[in-house]
Amino acid sequence: MSLYIRDDEVDALAKQVQQAIAAPTKTEAVRIALQHELENARKSIPLWERIKAIQEAARQIGPDDPNFDMKAFTDEGWDGL
């Protein structure tokens, strides 16, 4: 089955990739680029998993202190400046 590139910009990108990676053909360059994209997609951690890890770290810190006075804390940090 053939892949036909009908978009001039995509064709130009394929040529740039071909030259950059010294692929023998544009088809080979597109194949390699697509394989790399699939590998990257499989390696990336889904957003929900990243959020879950952050939430777990926050839970380990403990609950918020309802009596914490942020203004007093900030004022103390500035030492009256």
Protein backbone atom coordinates (compact mmCIF):
# COMPACT_ATOMS: atom_id res chain seq x y z
CA MET A 1 0.00 0.00 0.00
CA SER A 2 1.34 3.42 -0.90
CA LEU A 3 1.44 6.62 1.05
CA TYR A 4 0.86 9.70 -1.07
CA ILE A 5 1.87 13.06 0.34
CA ARG A 6 -0.35 15.69 -1.22
CA ASP A 7 0.49 18.55 1.10
CA ASP A 8 3.47 20.71 0.08
CA GLU A 9 4.41 21.53 3.67
CA VAL A 10 4.36 17.86 4.70
CA ASP A 11 6.42 16.98 1.62
CA ALA A 12 8.97 19.65 2.55
CA LEU A 13 9.13 18.34 6.12
CA ALA A 14 9.63 14.80 4.85
CA LYS A 15 12.52 16.02 2.67
CA GLN A 16 14.06 17.84 5.65
CA VAL A 17 13.80 14.73 7.81
CA GLN A 18 15.26 12.63 5.00
CA GLN A 19 18.27 14.91 4.76
CA ALA A 20 18.67 15.27 8.52
CA ILE A 21 18.77 11.53 9.16
CA ALA A 22 20.37 10.57 5.84
CA ALA A 23 17.49 8.30 4.91
CA PRO A 24 17.72 6.85 1.41
CA THR A 25 14.14 7.86 0.55
CA LYS A 26 11.36 10.10 1.83
CA THR A 27 9.32 6.96 2.51
CA GLU A 28 12.06 5.63 4.77
CA ALA A 29 12.32 9.01 6.50
CA VAL A 30 8.57 9.04 7.15
CA ARG A 31 8.69 5.44 8.42
CA ILE A 32 11.49 6.26 10.87
CA ALA A 33 9.80 9.47 12.01
CA LEU A 34 6.51 7.66 12.61
CA GLN A 35 8.26 4.88 14.54
CA HIS A 36 9.96 7.48 16.75
CA GLU A 37 6.66 9.22 17.41
CA LEU A 38 5.03 5.93 18.40
CA GLU A 39 7.92 5.16 20.76
CA ASN A 40 7.64 8.63 22.33
CA ALA A 41 3.88 8.29 22.73
CA ARG A 42 4.29 4.92 24.43
CA LYS A 43 6.99 6.26 26.75
CA SER A 44 5.07 9.32 27.88
CA ILE A 45 3.23 9.05 31.16
CA PRO A 46 -0.46 9.86 30.86
CA LEU A 47 -1.63 13.03 32.57
CA TRP A 48 -3.90 11.14 34.95
CA GLU A 49 -0.94 9.09 36.19
CA ARG A 50 1.17 12.22 36.75
CA ILE A 51 -1.69 13.88 38.63
CA LYS A 52 -2.20 10.74 40.72
CA ALA A 53 1.48 10.81 41.78
CA ILE A 54 1.26 14.50 42.72
CA GLN A 55 -1.92 13.91 44.71
CA GLU A 56 -0.28 11.04 46.59
CA ALA A 57 2.73 13.20 47.45
CA ALA A 58 0.39 15.92 48.73
CA ARG A 59 -1.49 13.36 50.84
CA GLN A 60 1.79 12.25 52.42
CA ILE A 61 2.50 15.83 53.49
CA GLY A 62 -0.69 15.81 55.50
CA PRO A 63 -3.87 17.85 55.74
CA ASP A 64 -3.96 21.63 55.58
CA ASP A 65 -3.77 23.47 58.90
CA PRO A 66 -7.01 25.47 59.09
CA ASN A 67 -5.42 27.79 61.67
CA PHE A 68 -2.39 28.67 59.53
CA ASP A 69 -2.14 32.45 59.04
CA MET A 70 -0.46 33.05 55.66
CA LYS A 71 -0.35 36.81 56.19
CA ALA A 72 1.49 36.51 59.50
CA PHE A 73 3.85 33.94 57.97
CA THR A 74 4.60 36.22 55.01
CA ASP A 75 5.04 39.28 57.22
CA GLU A 76 7.46 37.37 59.40
CA GLY A 77 9.41 36.33 56.31
CA TRP A 78 9.74 39.94 55.22
CA ASP A 79 10.87 40.84 58.74
CA GLY A 80 8.92 44.09 58.80
CA LEU A 81 10.22 45.42 55.45
